[in-house]
Amino acid sequence: MDELPDSSVKLSAELVRNLRRDNPWWEGKPSIVLPKTRRTFVETIHKKLRQNLAPIVTVRGPRQVGKSTAQLQIIEDLLKSGISGKRIFRVQCDEIPSMRKYQEPILRLTEWYETSVLGRTLNESAHLGEPVYLFWDEVQNLKDWAPQLKHLVDGSTCRVLVTGSSALRIELGRDSLAGRITSLDVGPLGLSEIAAVNLLGDLPVALQDNGLHRLADQAFWHELVQLGRDNSELRDIAFSMFSLRGGYPVAQTSPDVPWAEIADQLNETVIRRVIQHDLRVGERGRKRDAALLEELFRLSCRYAGQCPSPSFLAKEVQQSLGGNIGTQRVQHYLRFLNDTLLLRLVPSAEIRLKRTKGWPKICLADHGLRASWLQEIVPLDPLELANNPHLSDLAGHIAESVAGSFLLTIQGMDLSHCPERSHEPEVDFVMTLGTKRVPLEIKCRRRIDPQRDTEGLRAFIEKSVNNAPFGILVTQTDDVTLADPRIVAIPLSTLLMMK
């Protein structure tokens, strides 16, 4: 029989009180009141926990998209299924700063939990057919979290769910936990979720959890187009709501709250929280320049869906803040913002070695952040754009940002873009699925020129080295007809019904 860890493991009285408050189910007491509607990824997490293909499930996504709520909903389900509350241990890693003084907080807190709450080791519980569930929320805030979890799951049978809002730190952990981890990337609400939280009805999605291979099949895209048409009324209402407020849960679950108040909430709890808290301290305790981070995020909002060079951004920053800010520093700070998942930098495709590398394309986590930070609403809905034709070009760039951010949440697919080069037109995005590539061009405008607007797709498809049998043209509406059978036209609203 395994021996319990040394009972001399002591935590401060303050930390113990916080842990007990955050785990009320130990005393048979309820947790906070949770939303009745659920993100679709809650069931995906349940499925991964049931399959138990790896002891650790990681969920990565920007702040305030519902990761912590999802943890609590899963715990609620486990309790309702009859699992004892003492078999569940949850730690909010960014809300209890006192735990950071411990050398190996994950291991020490788990040892305390075994002795003081569970009353036996994790392995003893597992041998009794009662495996323990460990939940670590915003785990990237703990130093060396991945080696600690590796040590834990290598020596103890348990099921672990970790969430995080740092691309870099979670990715580094994923690398060091190879073979012990299964991952899930999540973003703001999709159209089906927006329809659900607003009680509009059931809007179906086309791509199931194990359906990634279907993206390389042209027939799937024709089916997706038809799915959009069959559900066009509900799709268009949900897309109009997405166009107006974006996909952050706080924006969609509070339709009666004026946008100005929602914008203030997004700025405070998402953007400033990331800049002033998550990015405040860098390597070796060096404080980062919050003003520079804010200005670069503002510029990222301004040039969302575009590929501004670091030298161009550096000049813009210098005009706003003054001082001599170099391109290398701009690149570093952009990567910091990328790591928080507030924005994503889509790299240029390097299919042939002779190509000159282009700059990454900026895709915001959600266009609602742009609207809140710049105090500027640019609609994506075709009817609204028809009333504001002067915003069409800007809306086109934002549509690129929306599409890129959405595609990046599809697990197992590489996304890049092809900048314009000599004798080669640009392609907005390239999805790489194994050995196949699917080019995707965004043309969200009222009128489509079948030749000019498909030039980049056709050029890409016709180069055999690209191994691209077909391409996707993302449009504003359903009524686009193309003569080239290799190109599928699909509205942006229908693209967002993929998952």
Protein backbone atom coordinates (compact mmCIF):
# COMPACT_ATOMS: atom_id res chain seq x y z
CA MET A 1 0.00 0.00 0.00
CA ASP A 2 1.22 3.49 -0.82
CA GLU A 3 2.07 5.60 2.17
CA LEU A 4 0.49 8.99 2.60
CA PRO A 5 2.86 11.91 1.97
CA ASP A 6 4.65 13.35 4.96
CA SER A 7 1.95 14.81 7.18
CA SER A 8 4.34 17.62 8.00
CA VAL A 9 3.38 19.29 4.68
CA LYS A 10 2.08 22.60 5.97
CA LEU A 11 0.30 25.39 4.19
CA SER A 12 -0.37 28.83 5.58
CA ALA A 13 -3.73 29.27 7.30
CA GLU A 14 -4.64 31.89 4.71
CA LEU A 15 -3.94 29.54 1.79
CA VAL A 16 -5.91 26.71 3.42
CA ARG A 17 -8.91 29.00 3.90
CA ASN A 18 -8.74 30.03 0.24
CA LEU A 19 -8.52 26.44 -0.96
CA ARG A 20 -11.48 25.39 1.16
CA ARG A 21 -13.53 28.35 -0.06
CA ASP A 22 -12.75 27.44 -3.68
CA ASN A 23 -13.70 23.78 -3.09
CA PRO A 24 -17.06 24.02 -1.25
CA TRP A 25 -18.02 20.51 -2.46
CA TRP A 26 -15.63 19.06 0.16
CA GLU A 27 -18.20 20.09 2.74
CA GLY A 28 -21.18 19.18 0.57
CA LYS A 29 -21.90 22.83 -0.14
CA PRO A 30 -22.81 24.33 -3.54
CA SER A 31 -20.50 26.32 -5.77
CA ILE A 32 -21.41 29.63 -7.40
CA VAL A 33 -24.55 29.87 -9.55
CA LEU A 34 -23.50 28.89 -13.07
CA PRO A 35 -24.96 29.92 -16.46
CA LYS A 36 -27.67 27.60 -17.76
CA THR A 37 -26.20 27.60 -21.26
CA ARG A 38 -22.86 25.94 -21.90
CA ARG A 39 -20.00 26.34 -24.31
CA THR A 40 -19.89 23.44 -26.76
CA PHE A 41 -16.35 22.61 -25.66
CA VAL A 42 -17.66 21.52 -22.23
CA GLU A 43 -18.90 18.26 -23.74
CA THR A 44 -15.64 17.92 -25.67
CA ILE A 45 -13.71 18.12 -22.40
CA HIS A 46 -16.04 15.53 -20.86
CA LYS A 47 -15.36 13.24 -23.80
CA LYS A 48 -11.59 13.61 -23.43
CA LEU A 49 -11.81 12.90 -19.70
CA ARG A 50 -13.95 9.80 -20.35
CA GLN A 51 -11.64 8.50 -23.06
CA ASN A 52 -8.65 8.91 -20.73
CA LEU A 53 -6.23 8.62 -23.66
CA ALA A 54 -3.87 10.88 -21.72
CA PRO A 55 -3.93 11.78 -18.01
CA ILE A 56 -3.86 15.55 -18.68
CA VAL A 57 -6.35 17.59 -20.71
CA THR A 58 -5.34 21.19 -21.49
CA VAL A 59 -7.75 23.89 -22.62
CA ARG A 60 -6.12 27.00 -24.07
CA GLY A 61 -7.89 30.23 -24.95
CA PRO A 62 -7.94 33.99 -24.27
CA ARG A 63 -9.21 35.40 -20.99
CA GLN A 64 -12.95 35.62 -20.32
CA VAL A 65 -14.12 33.14 -22.99
CA GLY A 66 -15.52 30.72 -20.40
CA LYS A 67 -12.69 28.34 -19.49
CA SER A 68 -13.12 28.75 -15.71
CA THR A 69 -16.90 28.46 -16.01
CA ALA A 70 -16.43 25.29 -18.04
CA GLN A 71 -14.31 23.80 -15.24
CA LEU A 72 -17.04 24.50 -12.71
CA GLN A 73 -19.75 23.07 -14.99
CA ILE A 74 -17.73 19.88 -15.40
CA ILE A 75 -17.30 19.65 -11.63
CA GLU A 76 -21.06 20.17 -11.24
CA ASP A 77 -21.68 17.27 -13.65
CA LEU A 78 -19.24 15.01 -11.80
CA LEU A 79 -20.97 15.73 -8.50
CA LYS A 80 -24.42 15.08 -9.99
CA SER A 81 -23.14 11.75 -11.35
CA GLY A 82 -22.43 10.64 -7.77
CA ILE A 83 -18.71 11.33 -7.49
CA SER A 84 -17.73 12.36 -3.96
CA GLY A 85 -16.77 16.02 -3.63
CA LYS A 86 -13.61 14.97 -1.81
CA ARG A 87 -12.36 13.37 -5.05
CA ILE A 88 -12.30 16.79 -6.73
CA PHE A 89 -9.55 19.36 -6.14
CA ARG A 90 -9.60 22.73 -7.95
CA VAL A 91 -7.02 25.51 -7.71
CA GLN A 92 -7.28 28.98 -9.28
CA CYS A 93 -3.62 29.64 -9.94
CA ASP A 94 -3.87 33.38 -10.60
CA GLU A 95 -6.19 34.24 -7.71
CA ILE A 96 -4.13 32.91 -4.80
CA PRO A 97 -0.74 34.65 -4.93
CA SER A 98 0.37 33.14 -1.60
CA MET A 99 0.87 29.72 -3.23
CA ARG A 100 3.70 31.05 -5.40
CA LYS A 101 6.11 31.17 -2.47
CA TYR A 102 6.24 27.37 -2.49
CA GLN A 103 9.05 25.80 -4.50
CA GLU A 104 6.81 23.25 -6.23
CA PRO A 105 3.25 24.45 -5.56
CA ILE A 106 1.42 21.81 -7.62
CA LEU A 107 3.16 18.96 -5.82
CA ARG A 108 2.94 20.53 -2.38
CA LEU A 109 -0.74 21.45 -2.71
CA THR A 110 -1.56 17.97 -4.01
CA GLU A 111 0.26 16.39 -1.05
CA TRP A 112 -1.68 18.62 1.34
CA TYR A 113 -4.94 17.65 -0.40
CA GLU A 114 -4.12 13.92 -0.06
CA THR A 115 -3.43 14.16 3.67
CA SER A 116 -5.93 16.81 4.73
CA VAL A 117 -8.94 16.20 2.46
CA LEU A 118 -8.81 12.87 0.59
CA GLY A 119 -7.33 10.90 3.48
CA ARG A 120 -5.36 8.60 1.19
CA THR A 121 -2.99 8.80 -1.75
CA LEU A 122 -4.17 9.37 -5.29
CA ASN A 123 -3.06 5.84 -6.16
CA GLU A 124 -4.97 4.29 -3.26
CA SER A 125 -8.09 6.10 -4.43
CA ALA A 126 -7.55 4.90 -8.01
CA HIS A 127 -7.10 1.27 -6.87
CA LEU A 128 -10.44 1.53 -5.09
CA GLY A 129 -12.02 2.51 -8.41
CA GLU A 130 -12.40 6.13 -7.29
CA PRO A 131 -9.92 8.17 -9.36
CA VAL A 132 -9.34 11.77 -8.34
CA TYR A 133 -9.96 14.78 -10.59
CA LEU A 134 -7.49 17.67 -10.34
CA PHE A 135 -8.39 21.06 -11.87
CA TRP A 136 -5.76 23.78 -12.31
CA ASP A 137 -7.14 27.08 -13.65
CA GLU A 138 -4.76 29.55 -15.40
CA VAL A 139 -1.92 27.16 -14.67
CA GLN A 140 0.63 29.17 -16.68
CA ASN A 141 0.93 31.53 -13.71
CA LEU A 142 2.81 28.85 -11.77
CA LYS A 143 6.52 28.56 -12.49
CA ASP A 144 7.61 25.15 -13.88
CA TRP A 145 4.05 23.86 -13.87
CA ALA A 146 4.66 21.32 -16.64
CA PRO A 147 7.57 19.42 -14.97
CA GLN A 148 5.53 19.28 -11.76
CA LEU A 149 2.50 17.82 -13.56
CA LYS A 150 4.75 15.38 -15.41
CA HIS A 151 6.17 14.16 -12.11
CA LEU A 152 2.68 13.97 -10.63
CA VAL A 153 1.01 11.92 -13.39
CA ASP A 154 4.04 9.69 -13.89
CA GLY A 155 3.80 8.57 -10.27
CA SER A 156 0.07 8.89 -9.56
CA THR A 157 -3.08 7.71 -11.31
CA CYS A 158 -5.45 10.67 -11.61
CA ARG A 159 -7.25 12.79 -14.17
CA VAL A 160 -6.08 16.35 -14.67
CA LEU A 161 -7.71 19.32 -16.43
CA VAL A 162 -5.66 22.48 -16.83
CA THR A 163 -6.69 25.74 -18.45
CA GLY A 164 -4.51 28.62 -19.56
CA SER A 165 -4.54 31.91 -21.46
CA SER A 166 -0.90 31.94 -22.55
CA ALA A 167 -0.06 30.42 -25.92
CA LEU A 168 3.66 30.22 -25.26
CA ARG A 169 3.60 28.86 -21.72
CA ILE A 170 0.92 26.29 -22.47
CA GLU A 171 2.70 25.26 -25.68
CA LEU A 172 5.99 24.81 -23.83
CA GLY A 173 4.16 22.69 -21.30
CA ARG A 174 2.59 20.68 -24.10
CA ASP A 175 6.04 19.93 -25.50
CA SER A 176 7.48 18.73 -22.18
CA LEU A 177 4.35 16.65 -21.46
CA ALA A 178 4.43 14.74 -24.76
CA GLY A 179 2.46 11.51 -24.50
CA ARG A 180 0.72 12.63 -21.31
CA ILE A 181 -1.46 15.40 -22.67
CA THR A 182 -4.39 16.01 -25.02
CA SER A 183 -5.19 19.59 -25.97
CA LEU A 184 -8.09 21.80 -26.96
CA ASP A 185 -7.96 25.37 -28.31
CA VAL A 186 -11.04 27.53 -27.68
CA GLY A 187 -12.07 31.02 -28.73
CA PRO A 188 -15.07 33.31 -28.23
CA LEU A 189 -18.64 32.13 -28.90
CA GLY A 190 -19.44 30.56 -32.26
CA LEU A 191 -22.67 31.27 -34.13
CA SER A 192 -24.42 28.18 -32.77
CA GLU A 193 -23.53 29.27 -29.22
CA ILE A 194 -24.72 32.83 -29.88
CA ALA A 195 -28.03 31.40 -31.08
CA ALA A 196 -28.23 29.25 -27.94
CA VAL A 197 -27.47 31.96 -25.36
CA ASN A 198 -29.99 34.28 -27.01
CA LEU A 199 -32.61 31.49 -27.10
CA LEU A 200 -32.95 31.76 -30.87
CA GLY A 201 -32.98 28.04 -31.61
CA ASP A 202 -30.66 25.20 -32.54
CA LEU A 203 -28.13 26.20 -35.20
CA PRO A 204 -26.22 23.10 -36.33
CA VAL A 205 -22.47 22.88 -36.90
CA ALA A 206 -20.75 20.88 -39.62
CA LEU A 207 -17.44 19.76 -38.13
CA GLN A 208 -17.38 17.16 -35.39
CA ASP A 209 -14.48 16.63 -32.98
CA ASN A 210 -12.91 13.88 -35.09
CA GLY A 211 -13.73 15.35 -38.49
CA LEU A 212 -10.57 17.30 -39.31
CA HIS A 213 -9.75 15.11 -42.32
CA ARG A 214 -12.99 16.24 -43.96
CA LEU A 215 -11.61 19.74 -44.53
CA ALA A 216 -9.40 18.32 -47.28
CA ASP A 217 -12.50 16.99 -49.09
CA GLN A 218 -14.25 19.45 -51.41
CA ALA A 219 -17.55 17.66 -50.83
CA PHE A 220 -17.48 18.76 -47.18
CA TRP A 221 -17.40 22.42 -48.21
CA HIS A 222 -20.37 21.97 -50.56
CA GLU A 223 -22.24 20.33 -47.66
CA LEU A 224 -21.34 23.29 -45.44
CA VAL A 225 -22.67 25.72 -48.05
CA GLN A 226 -25.95 23.80 -48.16
CA LEU A 227 -26.14 23.67 -44.36
CA GLY A 228 -25.91 27.47 -44.32
CA ARG A 229 -28.66 27.83 -46.88
CA ASP A 230 -30.92 25.37 -45.07
CA ASN A 231 -30.53 27.40 -41.87
CA SER A 232 -30.16 30.84 -43.42
CA GLU A 233 -32.80 32.60 -41.32
CA LEU A 234 -31.35 31.56 -37.96
CA ARG A 235 -27.79 31.87 -39.26
CA ASP A 236 -28.34 35.46 -40.40
CA ILE A 237 -29.86 36.53 -37.06
CA ALA A 238 -26.97 34.99 -35.11
CA PHE A 239 -24.42 36.51 -37.50
CA SER A 240 -26.04 39.94 -37.13
CA MET A 241 -25.63 39.66 -33.35
CA PHE A 242 -22.02 38.54 -33.80
CA SER A 243 -21.42 41.43 -36.20
CA LEU A 244 -22.76 43.95 -33.69
CA ARG A 245 -21.06 42.76 -30.49
CA GLY A 246 -18.53 40.05 -31.28
CA GLY A 247 -18.32 36.67 -29.59
CA TYR A 248 -17.26 37.34 -26.00
CA PRO A 249 -19.80 35.75 -23.63
CA VAL A 250 -20.26 38.97 -21.60
CA ALA A 251 -21.28 40.79 -24.80
CA GLN A 252 -23.81 38.18 -25.91
CA THR A 253 -25.33 37.22 -22.56
CA SER A 254 -26.19 40.84 -21.71
CA PRO A 255 -28.09 42.07 -24.79
CA ASP A 256 -29.94 44.76 -22.82
CA VAL A 257 -26.75 46.36 -21.49
CA PRO A 258 -25.63 49.29 -23.68
CA TRP A 259 -22.55 48.60 -25.81
CA ALA A 260 -20.59 51.38 -24.10
CA GLU A 261 -20.82 49.51 -20.80
CA ILE A 262 -19.92 46.20 -22.44
CA ALA A 263 -16.94 47.88 -24.09
CA ASP A 264 -15.72 49.21 -20.74
CA GLN A 265 -16.02 45.72 -19.28
CA LEU A 266 -14.03 44.15 -22.13
CA ASN A 267 -11.34 46.81 -21.88
CA GLU A 268 -11.01 46.35 -18.13
CA THR A 269 -11.37 42.59 -17.68
CA VAL A 270 -9.70 41.39 -20.87
CA ILE A 271 -7.32 43.89 -22.47
CA ARG A 272 -6.02 45.84 -19.46
CA ARG A 273 -6.02 42.68 -17.34
CA VAL A 274 -3.66 41.06 -19.85
CA ILE A 275 -1.44 44.11 -20.34
CA GLN A 276 -1.21 45.21 -16.71
CA HIS A 277 -1.29 41.80 -15.04
CA ASP A 278 -0.31 38.94 -17.35
CA LEU A 279 2.40 40.85 -19.22
CA ARG A 280 3.53 43.23 -16.50
CA VAL A 281 6.55 41.19 -15.45
CA GLY A 282 8.80 39.50 -18.00
CA GLU A 283 11.88 37.34 -17.89
CA ARG A 284 14.02 37.64 -14.76
CA GLY A 285 11.45 39.95 -13.17
CA ARG A 286 11.93 42.77 -15.67
CA LYS A 287 8.88 45.02 -15.96
CA ARG A 288 7.53 45.51 -19.44
CA ASP A 289 6.45 48.86 -20.86
CA ALA A 290 2.65 48.91 -20.42
CA ALA A 291 2.30 52.04 -22.60
CA LEU A 292 4.10 50.32 -25.48
CA LEU A 293 1.98 47.20 -25.08
CA GLU A 294 -1.22 49.27 -25.14
CA GLU A 295 -0.08 51.22 -28.22
CA LEU A 296 0.90 48.06 -30.08
CA PHE A 297 -2.44 46.50 -29.27
CA ARG A 298 -4.16 49.64 -30.56
CA LEU A 299 -2.17 49.38 -33.80
CA SER A 300 -2.99 45.68 -34.02
CA CYS A 301 -6.67 46.61 -33.81
CA ARG A 302 -6.17 49.27 -36.48
CA TYR A 303 -4.39 46.87 -38.84
CA ALA A 304 -6.31 43.69 -38.02
CA GLY A 305 -6.40 41.32 -40.99
CA GLN A 306 -3.28 42.96 -42.46
CA CYS A 307 0.48 42.34 -42.43
CA PRO A 308 2.20 45.57 -41.32
CA SER A 309 5.99 45.36 -41.15
CA PRO A 310 7.75 45.84 -37.79
CA SER A 311 9.51 48.93 -39.18
CA PHE A 312 6.14 50.47 -40.12
CA LEU A 313 4.73 49.73 -36.66
CA ALA A 314 7.86 51.12 -35.02
CA LYS A 315 7.40 54.43 -36.86
CA GLU A 316 3.75 54.56 -35.82
CA VAL A 317 4.68 53.91 -32.19
CA GLN A 318 7.37 56.58 -32.26
CA GLN A 319 4.87 59.13 -33.54
CA SER A 320 2.48 58.27 -30.70
CA LEU A 321 4.84 57.74 -27.78
CA GLY A 322 8.02 59.43 -28.87
CA GLY A 323 11.45 57.98 -28.15
CA ASN A 324 13.53 55.61 -30.20
CA ILE A 325 11.67 52.30 -30.28
CA GLY A 326 13.31 49.77 -32.59
CA THR A 327 11.79 47.12 -34.80
CA GLN A 328 13.23 44.28 -32.72
CA ARG A 329 11.49 45.54 -29.60
CA VAL A 330 8.24 45.90 -31.54
CA GLN A 331 8.54 42.29 -32.71
CA HIS A 332 9.19 41.06 -29.17
CA TYR A 333 6.17 42.93 -27.78
CA LEU A 334 3.93 41.68 -30.59
CA ARG A 335 4.95 38.15 -29.68
CA PHE A 336 4.07 38.86 -26.05
CA LEU A 337 0.56 39.92 -27.15
CA ASN A 338 0.34 36.81 -29.33
CA ASP A 339 1.26 34.65 -26.35
CA THR A 340 -1.73 35.98 -24.38
CA LEU A 341 -4.05 34.96 -27.24
CA LEU A 342 -5.50 38.50 -27.43
CA LEU A 343 -4.31 38.33 -30.99
CA ARG A 344 -2.76 35.68 -33.19
CA LEU A 345 0.07 36.17 -35.66
CA VAL A 346 -0.48 34.00 -38.74
CA PRO A 347 2.91 33.25 -40.37
CA SER A 348 3.59 33.47 -44.08
CA ALA A 349 3.72 30.15 -45.94
CA GLU A 350 7.19 28.93 -46.85
CA ILE A 351 6.45 26.14 -49.30
CA ARG A 352 9.56 26.68 -51.41
CA LEU A 353 12.94 27.56 -49.95
CA LYS A 354 13.62 30.41 -52.40
CA ARG A 355 10.70 32.48 -51.21
CA THR A 356 11.43 35.62 -49.23
CA LYS A 357 9.74 35.54 -45.87
CA GLY A 358 6.78 37.88 -45.37
CA TRP A 359 5.44 39.46 -42.20
CA PRO A 360 2.77 37.73 -40.11
CA LYS A 361 -0.90 38.59 -40.48
CA ILE A 362 -2.57 40.06 -37.38
CA CYS A 363 -5.82 38.34 -36.36
CA LEU A 364 -7.60 39.55 -33.22
CA ALA A 365 -9.17 37.06 -30.81
CA ASP A 366 -12.48 38.81 -31.48
CA HIS A 367 -13.50 41.91 -33.41
CA GLY A 368 -15.46 43.01 -30.33
CA LEU A 369 -12.09 43.82 -28.71
CA ARG A 370 -11.31 46.12 -31.63
CA ALA A 371 -14.65 47.87 -31.27
CA SER A 372 -14.18 48.32 -27.51
CA TRP A 373 -10.54 49.48 -27.60
CA LEU A 374 -10.84 51.84 -30.60
CA GLN A 375 -14.43 52.84 -29.77
CA GLU A 376 -15.30 52.18 -33.39
CA ILE A 377 -17.95 49.72 -34.56
CA VAL A 378 -17.49 48.32 -38.06
CA PRO A 379 -20.33 45.97 -39.06
CA LEU A 380 -19.80 42.67 -40.87
CA ASP A 381 -23.48 42.03 -41.51
CA PRO A 382 -24.33 42.54 -45.23
CA LEU A 383 -27.45 44.60 -44.50
CA GLU A 384 -25.58 46.95 -42.15
CA LEU A 385 -22.72 47.30 -44.62
CA ALA A 386 -25.17 48.19 -47.37
CA ASN A 387 -26.18 51.15 -45.21
CA ASN A 388 -22.53 52.05 -44.55
CA PRO A 389 -20.71 51.44 -47.87
CA HIS A 390 -17.79 53.67 -46.81
CA LEU A 391 -16.82 50.98 -44.28
CA SER A 392 -16.62 48.15 -46.83
CA ASP A 393 -12.83 48.07 -47.23
CA LEU A 394 -12.24 48.18 -43.49
CA ALA A 395 -14.89 45.50 -42.96
CA GLY A 396 -13.03 43.33 -45.46
CA HIS A 397 -9.87 43.47 -43.36
CA ILE A 398 -11.82 42.73 -40.18
CA ALA A 399 -13.46 39.76 -41.94
CA GLU A 400 -9.94 38.42 -42.64
CA SER A 401 -9.12 38.78 -38.96
CA VAL A 402 -12.33 37.01 -37.96
CA ALA A 403 -11.76 34.14 -40.39
CA GLY A 404 -8.13 33.71 -39.34
CA SER A 405 -8.90 33.71 -35.63
CA PHE A 406 -11.72 31.22 -36.16
CA LEU A 407 -9.63 28.83 -38.25
CA LEU A 408 -6.85 28.87 -35.66
CA THR A 409 -9.19 27.20 -33.14
CA ILE A 410 -9.40 24.09 -35.33
CA GLN A 411 -7.17 21.55 -33.65
CA GLY A 412 -4.52 19.80 -35.73
CA MET A 413 -4.54 22.18 -38.70
CA ASP A 414 -1.68 24.51 -39.66
CA LEU A 415 -2.67 27.98 -40.89
CA SER A 416 -0.51 30.40 -42.86
CA HIS A 417 -0.87 33.12 -45.50
CA CYS A 418 0.87 33.74 -48.82
CA PRO A 419 1.96 37.35 -49.36
CA GLU A 420 2.07 38.80 -52.86
CA ARG A 421 5.40 38.20 -54.61
CA SER A 422 6.80 38.66 -58.06
CA HIS A 423 4.40 37.07 -60.56
CA GLU A 424 2.43 35.46 -57.71
CA PRO A 425 -0.75 37.00 -56.26
CA GLU A 426 -1.40 36.81 -52.52
CA VAL A 427 -3.61 34.22 -50.85
CA ASP A 428 -5.25 35.30 -47.61
CA PHE A 429 -4.93 31.93 -45.83
CA VAL A 430 -3.64 28.44 -46.51
CA MET A 431 -4.93 25.52 -44.46
CA THR A 432 -2.44 22.65 -44.33
CA LEU A 433 -4.00 19.27 -43.62
CA GLY A 434 -1.37 16.54 -43.75
CA THR A 435 0.06 16.62 -47.26
CA LYS A 436 -2.82 18.63 -48.72
CA ARG A 437 -3.34 22.38 -48.72
CA VAL A 438 -6.55 24.34 -49.07
CA PRO A 439 -6.18 28.02 -50.05
CA LEU A 440 -8.81 30.42 -48.77
CA GLU A 441 -9.48 33.93 -50.04
CA ILE A 442 -11.67 36.51 -48.25
CA LYS A 443 -13.76 38.75 -50.53
CA CYS A 444 -16.55 40.06 -48.32
CA ARG A 445 -17.88 42.64 -50.75
CA ARG A 446 -21.24 43.17 -52.46
CA ARG A 447 -20.06 42.34 -55.95
CA ILE A 448 -17.67 39.53 -56.81
CA ASP A 449 -15.63 39.52 -60.01
CA PRO A 450 -15.32 35.79 -60.86
CA GLN A 451 -11.96 36.30 -62.56
CA ARG A 452 -10.18 39.00 -60.58
CA ASP A 453 -11.34 37.83 -57.14
CA THR A 454 -10.28 34.22 -57.70
CA GLU A 455 -6.89 34.98 -59.28
CA GLY A 456 -4.89 34.11 -56.15
CA LEU A 457 -6.80 30.86 -55.59
CA ARG A 458 -6.41 29.73 -59.18
CA ALA A 459 -2.69 30.53 -59.24
CA PHE A 460 -2.18 28.56 -56.03
CA ILE A 461 -4.22 25.55 -57.19
CA GLU A 462 -2.45 25.37 -60.54
CA LYS A 463 1.00 24.94 -58.98
CA SER A 464 1.36 21.20 -58.46
CA VAL A 465 3.93 21.70 -55.69
CA ASN A 466 1.16 23.17 -53.52
CA ASN A 467 -0.91 19.97 -53.67
CA ALA A 468 -4.13 21.99 -53.53
CA PRO A 469 -6.98 20.34 -55.49
CA PHE A 470 -9.51 23.09 -54.67
CA GLY A 471 -9.90 26.47 -52.98
CA ILE A 472 -12.42 28.44 -50.89
CA LEU A 473 -13.74 31.93 -51.68
CA VAL A 474 -15.32 33.51 -48.60
CA THR A 475 -18.00 36.01 -49.60
CA GLN A 476 -20.66 38.23 -48.06
CA THR A 477 -23.75 36.43 -49.30
CA ASP A 478 -25.07 33.10 -50.62
CA ASP A 479 -25.78 34.30 -54.14
CA VAL A 480 -22.25 34.08 -55.62
CA THR A 481 -21.88 31.81 -58.64
CA LEU A 482 -18.49 30.74 -59.98
CA ALA A 483 -17.76 28.91 -63.21
CA ASP A 484 -14.58 27.26 -61.94
CA PRO A 485 -15.62 23.94 -60.31
CA ARG A 486 -12.40 23.91 -58.26
CA ILE A 487 -13.51 26.90 -56.17
CA VAL A 488 -16.26 26.81 -53.56
CA ALA A 489 -17.95 30.13 -52.69
CA ILE A 490 -19.14 30.32 -49.09
CA PRO A 491 -20.42 33.27 -47.02
CA LEU A 492 -18.45 34.26 -43.94
CA SER A 493 -21.54 33.56 -41.83
CA THR A 494 -21.65 29.97 -43.12
CA LEU A 495 -17.90 29.50 -42.61
CA LEU A 496 -18.49 30.27 -38.91
CA MET A 497 -21.02 27.41 -38.81
CA MET A 498 -18.18 24.96 -39.30
CA LYS A 499 -17.78 24.45 -35.53
